Amino acid sequence: MRYDIRFLPDVEEDVVAGYRWYEGKVLGLGEEFLRMFYACLEGIKRNPLGSSRVYHEIRRSLLRRFPYAVYFRVQANEVIVFGLFHCARDPRRIESTLIKREDEA
């Protein structure tokens, strides 16, 4: 079963910030970051329940090659993406942001 993916509005800002940072470091690296992000989403679509829960029903899937994780929740046949965060970020801050975004979902 494949799941549909829906993004909360703030996710676009998360992705663009990561893209800009990597593209600013090395030309083309931002594009590779986006490819890994979309590849991660494809994996989530195929098997979202294979990712571990990190906060209540919110799950996390790690990007390959980049220290980022996609945070999402499975609801019926839909995956709701709550954020894309750098893995070195304070886990309490990530959790706080996820709670805030969950309230907006």
PDB file of N, CA and C in Angstrom:
ATOM      1  N   MET A   1       0.836  -1.189   0.000  1.00  0.00           N
ATOM      2  CA  MET A   1       0.000   0.000   0.000  1.00  0.00           C
ATOM      3  C   MET A   1       0.872   1.241   0.000  1.00  0.00           C
ATOM      4  N   ARG A   2       0.575   2.147  -0.893  1.00  0.00           N
ATOM      5  CA  ARG A   2       1.286   3.431  -0.929  1.00  0.00           C
ATOM      6  C   ARG A   2       0.422   4.492  -0.276  1.00  0.00           C
ATOM      7  N   TYR A   3       1.047   5.374   0.424  1.00  0.00           N
ATOM      8  CA  TYR A   3       0.358   6.429   1.155  1.00  0.00           C
ATOM      9  C   TYR A   3       0.500   7.760   0.421  1.00  0.00           C
ATOM     10  N   ASP A   4      -0.511   8.600   0.540  1.00  0.00           N
ATOM     11  CA  ASP A   4      -0.419   9.970   0.045  1.00  0.00           C
ATOM     12  C   ASP A   4       0.360  10.780   1.074  1.00  0.00           C
ATOM     13  N   ILE A   5       1.058  11.801   0.611  1.00  0.00           N
ATOM     14  CA  ILE A   5       1.827  12.653   1.518  1.00  0.00           C
ATOM     15  C   ILE A   5       1.260  14.059   1.491  1.00  0.00           C
ATOM     16  N   ARG A   6       1.077  14.610   2.696  1.00  0.00           N
ATOM     17  CA  ARG A   6       0.631  15.989   2.843  1.00  0.00           C
ATOM     18  C   ARG A   6       1.649  16.706   3.731  1.00  0.00           C
ATOM     19  N   PHE A   7       2.010  17.912   3.356  1.00  0.00           N
ATOM     20  CA  PHE A   7       2.984  18.695   4.099  1.00  0.00           C
ATOM     21  C   PHE A   7       2.291  19.818   4.855  1.00  0.00           C
ATOM     22  N   LEU A   8       2.699  20.022   6.098  1.00  0.00           N
ATOM     23  CA  LEU A   8       2.260  21.217   6.800  1.00  0.00           C
ATOM     24  C   LEU A   8       3.004  22.402   6.194  1.00  0.00           C
ATOM     25  N   PRO A   9       2.422  23.597   6.246  1.00  0.00           N
ATOM     26  CA  PRO A   9       3.031  24.761   5.584  1.00  0.00           C
ATOM     27  C   PRO A   9       4.479  25.050   5.990  1.00  0.00           C
ATOM     28  N   ASP A  10       4.841  24.831   7.244  1.00  0.00           N
ATOM     29  CA  ASP A  10       6.198  25.152   7.707  1.00  0.00           C
ATOM     30  C   ASP A  10       7.274  24.248   7.121  1.00  0.00           C
ATOM     31  N   VAL A  11       6.884  23.105   6.594  1.00  0.00           N
ATOM     32  CA  VAL A  11       7.862  22.158   6.061  1.00  0.00           C
ATOM     33  C   VAL A  11       8.608  22.755   4.873  1.00  0.00           C
ATOM     34  N   GLU A  12       7.915  23.513   4.055  1.00  0.00           N
ATOM     35  CA  GLU A  12       8.579  24.137   2.901  1.00  0.00           C
ATOM     36  C   GLU A  12       9.743  25.018   3.363  1.00  0.00           C
ATOM     37  N   GLU A  13       9.524  25.764   4.436  1.00  0.00           N
ATOM     38  CA  GLU A  13      10.587  26.621   4.970  1.00  0.00           C
ATOM     39  C   GLU A  13      11.765  25.781   5.469  1.00  0.00           C
ATOM     40  N   ASP A  14      11.464  24.641   6.111  1.00  0.00           N
ATOM     41  CA  ASP A  14      12.523  23.748   6.598  1.00  0.00           C
ATOM     42  C   ASP A  14      13.384  23.264   5.432  1.00  0.00           C
ATOM     43  N   VAL A  15      12.724  22.837   4.357  1.00  0.00           N
ATOM     44  CA  VAL A  15      13.433  22.279   3.198  1.00  0.00           C
ATOM     45  C   VAL A  15      14.250  23.363   2.499  1.00  0.00           C
ATOM     46  N   VAL A  16      13.657  24.516   2.303  1.00  0.00           N
ATOM     47  CA  VAL A  16      14.359  25.615   1.624  1.00  0.00           C
ATOM     48  C   VAL A  16      15.576  26.058   2.435  1.00  0.00           C
ATOM     49  N   ALA A  17      15.452  26.109   3.749  1.00  0.00           N
ATOM     50  CA  ALA A  17      16.593  26.514   4.593  1.00  0.00           C
ATOM     51  C   ALA A  17      17.745  25.517   4.451  1.00  0.00           C
ATOM     52  N   GLY A  18      17.434  24.223   4.466  1.00  0.00           N
ATOM     53  CA  GLY A  18      18.474  23.207   4.281  1.00  0.00           C
ATOM     54  C   GLY A  18      19.117  23.305   2.910  1.00  0.00           C
ATOM     55  N   TYR A  19      18.285  23.472   1.893  1.00  0.00           N
ATOM     56  CA  TYR A  19      18.782  23.606   0.520  1.00  0.00           C
ATOM     57  C   TYR A  19      19.737  24.798   0.414  1.00  0.00           C
ATOM     58  N   ARG A  20      19.319  25.940   0.913  1.00  0.00           N
ATOM     59  CA  ARG A  20      20.147  27.151   0.806  1.00  0.00           C
ATOM     60  C   ARG A  20      21.475  26.994   1.539  1.00  0.00           C
ATOM     61  N   TRP A  21      21.434  26.372   2.711  1.00  0.00           N
ATOM     62  CA  TRP A  21      22.666  26.208   3.474  1.00  0.00           C
ATOM     63  C   TRP A  21      23.656  25.357   2.688  1.00  0.00           C
ATOM     64  N   TYR A  22      23.215  24.214   2.182  1.00  0.00           N
ATOM     65  CA  TYR A  22      24.125  23.325   1.448  1.00  0.00           C
ATOM     66  C   TYR A  22      24.544  23.926   0.109  1.00  0.00           C
ATOM     67  N   GLU A  23      23.642  24.581  -0.557  1.00  0.00           N
ATOM     68  CA  GLU A  23      23.982  25.194  -1.847  1.00  0.00           C
ATOM     69  C   GLU A  23      25.000  26.317  -1.649  1.00  0.00           C
ATOM     70  N   GLY A  24      24.905  27.001  -0.495  1.00  0.00           N
ATOM     71  CA  GLY A  24      25.863  28.053  -0.174  1.00  0.00           C
ATOM     72  C   GLY A  24      27.252  27.519   0.129  1.00  0.00           C
ATOM     73  N   LYS A  25      27.331  26.274   0.570  1.00  0.00           N
ATOM     74  CA  LYS A  25      28.623  25.660   0.872  1.00  0.00           C
ATOM     75  C   LYS A  25      29.327  25.173  -0.390  1.00  0.00           C
ATOM     76  N   VAL A  26      28.581  24.428  -1.215  1.00  0.00           N
ATOM     77  CA  VAL A  26      29.147  23.879  -2.450  1.00  0.00           C
ATOM     78  C   VAL A  26      28.048  23.896  -3.505  1.00  0.00           C
ATOM     79  N   LEU A  27      28.333  24.508  -4.633  1.00  0.00           N
ATOM     80  CA  LEU A  27      27.352  24.567  -5.713  1.00  0.00           C
ATOM     81  C   LEU A  27      26.926  23.149  -6.114  1.00  0.00           C
ATOM     82  N   GLY A  28      25.628  22.904  -6.097  1.00  0.00           N
ATOM     83  CA  GLY A  28      25.091  21.596  -6.462  1.00  0.00           C
ATOM     84  C   GLY A  28      24.781  20.706  -5.262  1.00  0.00           C
ATOM     85  N   LEU A  29      25.369  21.024  -4.109  1.00  0.00           N
ATOM     86  CA  LEU A  29      25.115  20.210  -2.926  1.00  0.00           C
ATOM     87  C   LEU A  29      23.682  20.383  -2.429  1.00  0.00           C
ATOM     88  N   GLY A  30      23.126  21.555  -2.618  1.00  0.00           N
ATOM     89  CA  GLY A  30      21.723  21.793  -2.262  1.00  0.00           C
ATOM     90  C   GLY A  30      20.795  20.910  -3.085  1.00  0.00           C
ATOM     91  N   GLU A  31      21.141  20.732  -4.365  1.00  0.00           N
ATOM     92  CA  GLU A  31      20.340  19.855  -5.236  1.00  0.00           C
ATOM     93  C   GLU A  31      20.417  18.410  -4.752  1.00  0.00           C
ATOM     94  N   GLU A  32      21.593  17.982  -4.325  1.00  0.00           N
ATOM     95  CA  GLU A  32      21.753  16.625  -3.791  1.00  0.00           C
ATOM     96  C   GLU A  32      20.938  16.460  -2.499  1.00  0.00           C
ATOM     97  N   PHE A  33      20.927  17.491  -1.680  1.00  0.00           N
ATOM     98  CA  PHE A  33      20.117  17.486  -0.463  1.00  0.00           C
ATOM     99  C   PHE A  33      18.640  17.280  -0.811  1.00  0.00           C
ATOM    100  N   LEU A  34      18.152  18.000  -1.812  1.00  0.00           N
ATOM    101  CA  LEU A  34      16.755  17.843  -2.236  1.00  0.00           C
ATOM    102  C   LEU A  34      16.491  16.434  -2.759  1.00  0.00           C
ATOM    103  N   ARG A  35      17.422  15.880  -3.513  1.00  0.00           N
ATOM    104  CA  ARG A  35      17.258  14.508  -4.019  1.00  0.00           C
ATOM    105  C   ARG A  35      17.145  13.513  -2.866  1.00  0.00           C
ATOM    106  N   MET A  36      17.970  13.676  -1.860  1.00  0.00           N
ATOM    107  CA  MET A  36      17.921  12.773  -0.709  1.00  0.00           C
ATOM    108  C   MET A  36      16.620  12.966   0.081  1.00  0.00           C
ATOM    109  N   PHE A  37      16.137  14.195   0.152  1.00  0.00           N
ATOM    110  CA  PHE A  37      14.864  14.473   0.826  1.00  0.00           C
ATOM    111  C   PHE A  37      13.721  13.760   0.099  1.00  0.00           C
ATOM    112  N   TYR A  38      13.672  13.890  -1.221  1.00  0.00           N
ATOM    113  CA  TYR A  38      12.601  13.244  -1.988  1.00  0.00           C
ATOM    114  C   TYR A  38      12.738  11.720  -1.986  1.00  0.00           C
ATOM    115  N   ALA A  39      13.958  11.215  -1.957  1.00  0.00           N
ATOM    116  CA  ALA A  39      14.161   9.769  -1.853  1.00  0.00           C
ATOM    117  C   ALA A  39      13.660   9.259  -0.499  1.00  0.00           C
ATOM    118  N   CYS A  40      13.895  10.021   0.539  1.00  0.00           N
ATOM    119  CA  CYS A  40      13.408   9.658   1.867  1.00  0.00           C
ATOM    120  C   CYS A  40      11.880   9.616   1.871  1.00  0.00           C
ATOM    121  N   LEU A  41      11.260  10.586   1.217  1.00  0.00           N
ATOM    122  CA  LEU A  41       9.797  10.619   1.137  1.00  0.00           C
ATOM    123  C   LEU A  41       9.250   9.394   0.405  1.00  0.00           C
ATOM    124  N   GLU A  42       9.942   8.961  -0.635  1.00  0.00           N
ATOM    125  CA  GLU A  42       9.508   7.758  -1.370  1.00  0.00           C
ATOM    126  C   GLU A  42       9.555   6.535  -0.461  1.00  0.00           C
ATOM    127  N   GLY A  43      10.588   6.446   0.344  1.00  0.00           N
ATOM    128  CA  GLY A  43      10.680   5.345   1.298  1.00  0.00           C
ATOM    129  C   GLY A  43       9.562   5.396   2.327  1.00  0.00           C
ATOM    130  N   ILE A  44       9.252   6.591   2.773  1.00  0.00           N
ATOM    131  CA  ILE A  44       8.153   6.766   3.728  1.00  0.00           C
ATOM    132  C   ILE A  44       6.831   6.349   3.083  1.00  0.00           C
ATOM    133  N   LYS A  45       6.620   6.739   1.831  1.00  0.00           N
ATOM    134  CA  LYS A  45       5.383   6.366   1.133  1.00  0.00           C
ATOM    135  C   LYS A  45       5.213   4.850   1.076  1.00  0.00           C
ATOM    136  N   ARG A  46       6.303   4.136   0.823  1.00  0.00           N
ATOM    137  CA  ARG A  46       6.240   2.684   0.692  1.00  0.00           C
ATOM    138  C   ARG A  46       6.021   1.985   2.030  1.00  0.00           C
ATOM    139  N   ASN A  47       6.671   2.492   3.095  1.00  0.00           N
ATOM    140  CA  ASN A  47       6.594   1.802   4.381  1.00  0.00           C
ATOM    141  C   ASN A  47       6.710   2.789   5.548  1.00  0.00           C
ATOM    142  N   PRO A  48       5.706   3.609   5.770  1.00  0.00           N
ATOM    143  CA  PRO A  48       5.807   4.603   6.840  1.00  0.00           C
ATOM    144  C   PRO A  48       5.871   3.986   8.237  1.00  0.00           C
ATOM    145  N   LEU A  49       5.267   2.837   8.421  1.00  0.00           N
ATOM    146  CA  LEU A  49       5.258   2.215   9.741  1.00  0.00           C
ATOM    147  C   LEU A  49       6.604   1.569  10.086  1.00  0.00           C
ATOM    148  N   GLY A  50       7.514   1.535   9.128  1.00  0.00           N
ATOM    149  CA  GLY A  50       8.856   1.025   9.365  1.00  0.00           C
ATOM    150  C   GLY A  50       9.751   2.019  10.085  1.00  0.00           C
ATOM    151  N   SER A  51       9.326   3.261  10.155  1.00  0.00           N
ATOM    152  CA  SER A  51      10.090   4.297  10.861  1.00  0.00           C
ATOM    153  C   SER A  51       9.680   4.316  12.326  1.00  0.00           C
ATOM    154  N   SER A  52      10.638   4.583  13.186  1.00  0.00           N
ATOM    155  CA  SER A  52      10.359   4.533  14.620  1.00  0.00           C
ATOM    156  C   SER A  52       9.601   5.775  15.102  1.00  0.00           C
ATOM    157  N   ARG A  53       8.773   5.547  16.118  1.00  0.00           N
ATOM    158  CA  ARG A  53       8.057   6.647  16.774  1.00  0.00           C
ATOM    159  C   ARG A  53       9.028   7.370  17.699  1.00  0.00           C
ATOM    160  N   VAL A  54       8.905   8.693  17.696  1.00  0.00           N
ATOM    161  CA  VAL A  54       9.780   9.478  18.567  1.00  0.00           C
ATOM    162  C   VAL A  54       8.990  10.352  19.530  1.00  0.00           C
ATOM    163  N   TYR A  55       7.748  10.638  19.210  1.00  0.00           N
ATOM    164  CA  TYR A  55       6.897  11.453  20.080  1.00  0.00           C
ATOM    165  C   TYR A  55       5.449  11.089  19.787  1.00  0.00           C
ATOM    166  N   HIS A  56       4.808  10.432  20.723  1.00  0.00           N
ATOM    167  CA  HIS A  56       3.432   9.950  20.547  1.00  0.00           C
ATOM    168  C   HIS A  56       3.320   9.204  19.228  1.00  0.00           C
ATOM    169  N   GLU A  57       2.545   9.730  18.294  1.00  0.00           N
ATOM    170  CA  GLU A  57       2.352   9.058  17.001  1.00  0.00           C
ATOM    171  C   GLU A  57       3.269   9.602  15.904  1.00  0.00           C
ATOM    172  N   ILE A  58       4.125  10.540  16.244  1.00  0.00           N
ATOM    173  CA  ILE A  58       5.031  11.129  15.249  1.00  0.00           C
ATOM    174  C   ILE A  58       6.254  10.231  15.087  1.00  0.00           C
ATOM    175  N   ARG A  59       6.573   9.946  13.837  1.00  0.00           N
ATOM    176  CA  ARG A  59       7.688   9.074  13.484  1.00  0.00           C
ATOM    177  C   ARG A  59       8.814   9.881  12.840  1.00  0.00           C
ATOM    178  N   ARG A  60       9.982   9.252  12.737  1.00  0.00           N
ATOM    179  CA  ARG A  60      11.150   9.935  12.169  1.00  0.00           C
ATOM    180  C   ARG A  60      11.834   9.012  11.172  1.00  0.00           C
ATOM    181  N   SER A  61      12.210   9.594  10.023  1.00  0.00           N
ATOM    182  CA  SER A  61      12.978   8.878   9.011  1.00  0.00           C
ATOM    183  C   SER A  61      14.189   9.725   8.655  1.00  0.00           C
ATOM    184  N   LEU A  62      15.366   9.098   8.675  1.00  0.00           N
ATOM    185  CA  LEU A  62      16.618   9.815   8.433  1.00  0.00           C
ATOM    186  C   LEU A  62      16.936   9.896   6.947  1.00  0.00           C
ATOM    187  N   LEU A  63      17.463  11.052   6.531  1.00  0.00           N
ATOM    188  CA  LEU A  63      17.947  11.207   5.162  1.00  0.00           C
ATOM    189  C   LEU A  63      19.290  10.500   5.032  1.00  0.00           C
ATOM    190  N   ARG A  64      19.559   9.969   3.869  1.00  0.00           N
ATOM    191  CA  ARG A  64      20.892   9.431   3.594  1.00  0.00           C
ATOM    192  C   ARG A  64      21.821  10.585   3.257  1.00  0.00           C
ATOM    193  N   ARG A  65      23.076  10.471   3.653  1.00  0.00           N
ATOM    194  CA  ARG A  65      24.147  11.417   3.328  1.00  0.00           C
ATOM    195  C   ARG A  65      24.063  12.761   4.043  1.00  0.00           C
ATOM    196  N   PHE A  66      22.935  13.098   4.637  1.00  0.00           N
ATOM    197  CA  PHE A  66      22.777  14.392   5.289  1.00  0.00           C
ATOM    198  C   PHE A  66      22.218  14.178   6.694  1.00  0.00           C
ATOM    199  N   PRO A  67      22.680  14.962   7.661  1.00  0.00           N
ATOM    200  CA  PRO A  67      22.226  14.767   9.046  1.00  0.00           C
ATOM    201  C   PRO A  67      20.865  15.425   9.318  1.00  0.00           C
ATOM    202  N   TYR A  68      19.884  15.017   8.567  1.00  0.00           N
ATOM    203  CA  TYR A  68      18.526  15.544   8.695  1.00  0.00           C
ATOM    204  C   TYR A  68      17.540  14.399   8.855  1.00  0.00           C
ATOM    205  N   ALA A  69      16.384  14.718   9.450  1.00  0.00           N
ATOM    206  CA  ALA A  69      15.336  13.719   9.621  1.00  0.00           C
ATOM    207  C   ALA A  69      13.985  14.344   9.265  1.00  0.00           C
ATOM    208  N   VAL A  70      13.134  13.536   8.656  1.00  0.00           N
ATOM    209  CA  VAL A  70      11.755  13.916   8.339  1.00  0.00           C
ATOM    210  C   VAL A  70      10.883  13.393   9.478  1.00  0.00           C
ATOM    211  N   TYR A  71      10.064  14.261  10.028  1.00  0.00           N
ATOM    212  CA  TYR A  71       9.136  13.903  11.100  1.00  0.00           C
ATOM    213  C   TYR A  71       7.727  13.898  10.528  1.00  0.00           C
ATOM    214  N   PHE A  72       6.995  12.805  10.792  1.00  0.00           N
ATOM    215  CA  PHE A  72       5.682  12.652  10.176  1.00  0.00           C
ATOM    216  C   PHE A  72       4.761  11.796  11.037  1.00  0.00           C
ATOM    217  N   ARG A  73       3.471  11.841  10.693  1.00  0.00           N
ATOM    218  CA  ARG A  73       2.465  11.015  11.349  1.00  0.00           C
ATOM    219  C   ARG A  73       1.655  10.307  10.277  1.00  0.00           C
ATOM    220  N   VAL A  74       1.292   9.054  10.531  1.00  0.00           N
ATOM    221  CA  VAL A  74       0.457   8.282   9.617  1.00  0.00           C
ATOM    222  C   VAL A  74      -0.979   8.375  10.105  1.00  0.00           C
ATOM    223  N   GLN A  75      -1.853   8.747   9.187  1.00  0.00           N
ATOM    224  CA  GLN A  75      -3.272   8.891   9.517  1.00  0.00           C
ATOM    225  C   GLN A  75      -4.076   8.272   8.378  1.00  0.00           C
ATOM    226  N   ALA A  76      -4.689   7.125   8.632  1.00  0.00           N
ATOM    227  CA  ALA A  76      -5.408   6.362   7.600  1.00  0.00           C
ATOM    228  C   ALA A  76      -4.421   6.043   6.478  1.00  0.00           C
ATOM    229  N   ASN A  77      -4.709   6.481   5.246  1.00  0.00           N
ATOM    230  CA  ASN A  77      -3.793   6.207   4.125  1.00  0.00           C
ATOM    231  C   ASN A  77      -3.001   7.456   3.743  1.00  0.00           C
ATOM    232  N   GLU A  78      -2.791   8.322   4.715  1.00  0.00           N
ATOM    233  CA  GLU A  78      -2.090   9.581   4.469  1.00  0.00           C
ATOM    234  C   GLU A  78      -0.926   9.734   5.444  1.00  0.00           C
ATOM    235  N   VAL A  79       0.170  10.263   4.940  1.00  0.00           N
ATOM    236  CA  VAL A  79       1.322  10.624   5.757  1.00  0.00           C
ATOM    237  C   VAL A  79       1.343  12.144   5.840  1.00  0.00           C
ATOM    238  N   ILE A  80       1.329  12.660   7.057  1.00  0.00           N
ATOM    239  CA  ILE A  80       1.381  14.110   7.268  1.00  0.00           C
ATOM    240  C   ILE A  80       2.785  14.449   7.741  1.00  0.00           C
ATOM    241  N   VAL A  81       3.510  15.235   6.948  1.00  0.00           N
ATOM    242  CA  VAL A  81       4.892  15.614   7.277  1.00  0.00           C
ATOM    243  C   VAL A  81       4.854  16.883   8.113  1.00  0.00           C
ATOM    244  N   PHE A  82       5.466  16.795   9.306  1.00  0.00           N
ATOM    245  CA  PHE A  82       5.474  17.899  10.250  1.00  0.00           C
ATOM    246  C   PHE A  82       6.744  18.740  10.181  1.00  0.00           C
ATOM    247  N   GLY A  83       7.831  18.153   9.711  1.00  0.00           N
ATOM    248  CA  GLY A  83       9.047  18.941   9.671  1.00  0.00           C
ATOM    249  C   GLY A  83      10.241  18.170   9.145  1.00  0.00           C
ATOM    250  N   LEU A  84      11.263  18.929   8.810  1.00  0.00           N
ATOM    251  CA  LEU A  84      12.566  18.422   8.399  1.00  0.00           C
ATOM    252  C   LEU A  84      13.579  19.166   9.260  1.00  0.00           C
ATOM    253  N   PHE A  85      14.253  18.431  10.159  1.00  0.00           N
ATOM    254  CA  PHE A  85      15.140  19.080  11.120  1.00  0.00           C
ATOM    255  C   PHE A  85      16.530  18.456  11.093  1.00  0.00           C
ATOM    256  N   HIS A  86      17.525  19.291  11.350  1.00  0.00           N
ATOM    257  CA  HIS A  86      18.907  18.838  11.472  1.00  0.00           C
ATOM    258  C   HIS A  86      19.013  17.981  12.728  1.00  0.00           C
ATOM    259  N   CYS A  87      19.717  16.882  12.640  1.00  0.00           N
ATOM    260  CA  CYS A  87      19.805  15.929  13.747  1.00  0.00           C
ATOM    261  C   CYS A  87      20.610  16.442  14.941  1.00  0.00           C
ATOM    262  N   ALA A  88      21.413  17.476  14.756  1.00  0.00           N
ATOM    263  CA  ALA A  88      22.181  18.035  15.862  1.00  0.00           C
ATOM    264  C   ALA A  88      21.362  19.037  16.672  1.00  0.00           C
ATOM    265  N   ARG A  89      20.183  19.321  16.210  1.00  0.00           N
ATOM    266  CA  ARG A  89      19.317  20.261  16.914  1.00  0.00           C
ATOM    267  C   ARG A  89      18.873  19.651  18.243  1.00  0.00           C
ATOM    268  N   ASP A  90      18.670  20.486  19.238  1.00  0.00           N
ATOM    269  CA  ASP A  90      18.252  20.047  20.570  1.00  0.00           C
ATOM    270  C   ASP A  90      16.932  19.279  20.466  1.00  0.00           C
ATOM    271  N   PRO A  91      16.901  18.012  20.918  1.00  0.00           N
ATOM    272  CA  PRO A  91      15.679  17.213  20.814  1.00  0.00           C
ATOM    273  C   PRO A  91      14.469  17.851  21.508  1.00  0.00           C
ATOM    274  N   ARG A  92      14.712  18.572  22.598  1.00  0.00           N
ATOM    275  CA  ARG A  92      13.590  19.244  23.278  1.00  0.00           C
ATOM    276  C   ARG A  92      13.007  20.348  22.406  1.00  0.00           C
ATOM    277  N   ARG A  93      13.867  21.013  21.668  1.00  0.00           N
ATOM    278  CA  ARG A  93      13.394  22.066  20.772  1.00  0.00           C
ATOM    279  C   ARG A  93      12.611  21.467  19.594  1.00  0.00           C
ATOM    280  N   ILE A  94      13.094  20.346  19.076  1.00  0.00           N
ATOM    281  CA  ILE A  94      12.365  19.653  18.005  1.00  0.00           C
ATOM    282  C   ILE A  94      11.003  19.227  18.519  1.00  0.00           C
ATOM    283  N   GLU A  95      10.979  18.613  19.705  1.00  0.00           N
ATOM    284  CA  GLU A  95       9.714  18.159  20.279  1.00  0.00           C
ATOM    285  C   GLU A  95       8.747  19.321  20.474  1.00  0.00           C
ATOM    286  N   SER A  96       9.244  20.439  20.963  1.00  0.00           N
ATOM    287  CA  SER A  96       8.421  21.623  21.171  1.00  0.00           C
ATOM    288  C   SER A  96       7.835  22.128  19.846  1.00  0.00           C
ATOM    289  N   THR A  97       8.654  22.150  18.821  1.00  0.00           N
ATOM    290  CA  THR A  97       8.194  22.577  17.498  1.00  0.00           C
ATOM    291  C   THR A  97       7.161  21.605  16.952  1.00  0.00           C
ATOM    292  N   LEU A  98       7.389  20.306  17.134  1.00  0.00           N
ATOM    293  CA  LEU A  98       6.430  19.304  16.662  1.00  0.00           C
ATOM    294  C   LEU A  98       5.087  19.447  17.371  1.00  0.00           C
ATOM    295  N   ILE A  99       5.116  19.699  18.681  1.00  0.00           N
ATOM    296  CA  ILE A  99       3.870  19.889  19.429  1.00  0.00           C
ATOM    297  C   ILE A  99       3.109  21.090  18.882  1.00  0.00           C
ATOM    298  N   LYS A 100       3.820  22.178  18.647  1.00  0.00           N
ATOM    299  CA  LYS A 100       3.193  23.389  18.110  1.00  0.00           C
ATOM    300  C   LYS A 100       2.581  23.110  16.740  1.00  0.00           C
ATOM    301  N   ARG A 101       3.344  22.444  15.880  1.00  0.00           N
ATOM    302  CA  ARG A 101       2.842  22.149  14.530  1.00  0.00           C
ATOM    303  C   ARG A 101       1.700  21.146  14.566  1.00  0.00           C
ATOM    304  N   GLU A 102       1.752  20.220  15.528  1.00  0.00           N
ATOM    305  CA  GLU A 102       0.681  19.234  15.648  1.00  0.00           C
ATOM    306  C   GLU A 102      -0.637  19.917  15.999  1.00  0.00           C
ATOM    307  N   ASP A 103      -0.570  20.941  16.824  1.00  0.00           N
ATOM    308  CA  ASP A 103      -1.762  21.705  17.192  1.00  0.00           C
ATOM    309  C   ASP A 103      -2.349  22.434  15.987  1.00  0.00           C
ATOM    310  N   GLU A 104      -1.486  22.810  15.033  1.00  0.00           N
ATOM    311  CA  GLU A 104      -1.923  23.538  13.839  1.00  0.00           C
ATOM    312  C   GLU A 104      -2.449  22.596  12.751  1.00  0.00           C
ATOM    313  N   ALA A 105      -2.137  21.301  12.866  1.00  0.00           N
ATOM    314  CA  ALA A 105      -2.480  20.341  11.803  1.00  0.00           C
ATOM    315  C   ALA A 105      -3.951  20.098  11.694  1.00  0.00           C
TER     316      ALA A 105
END
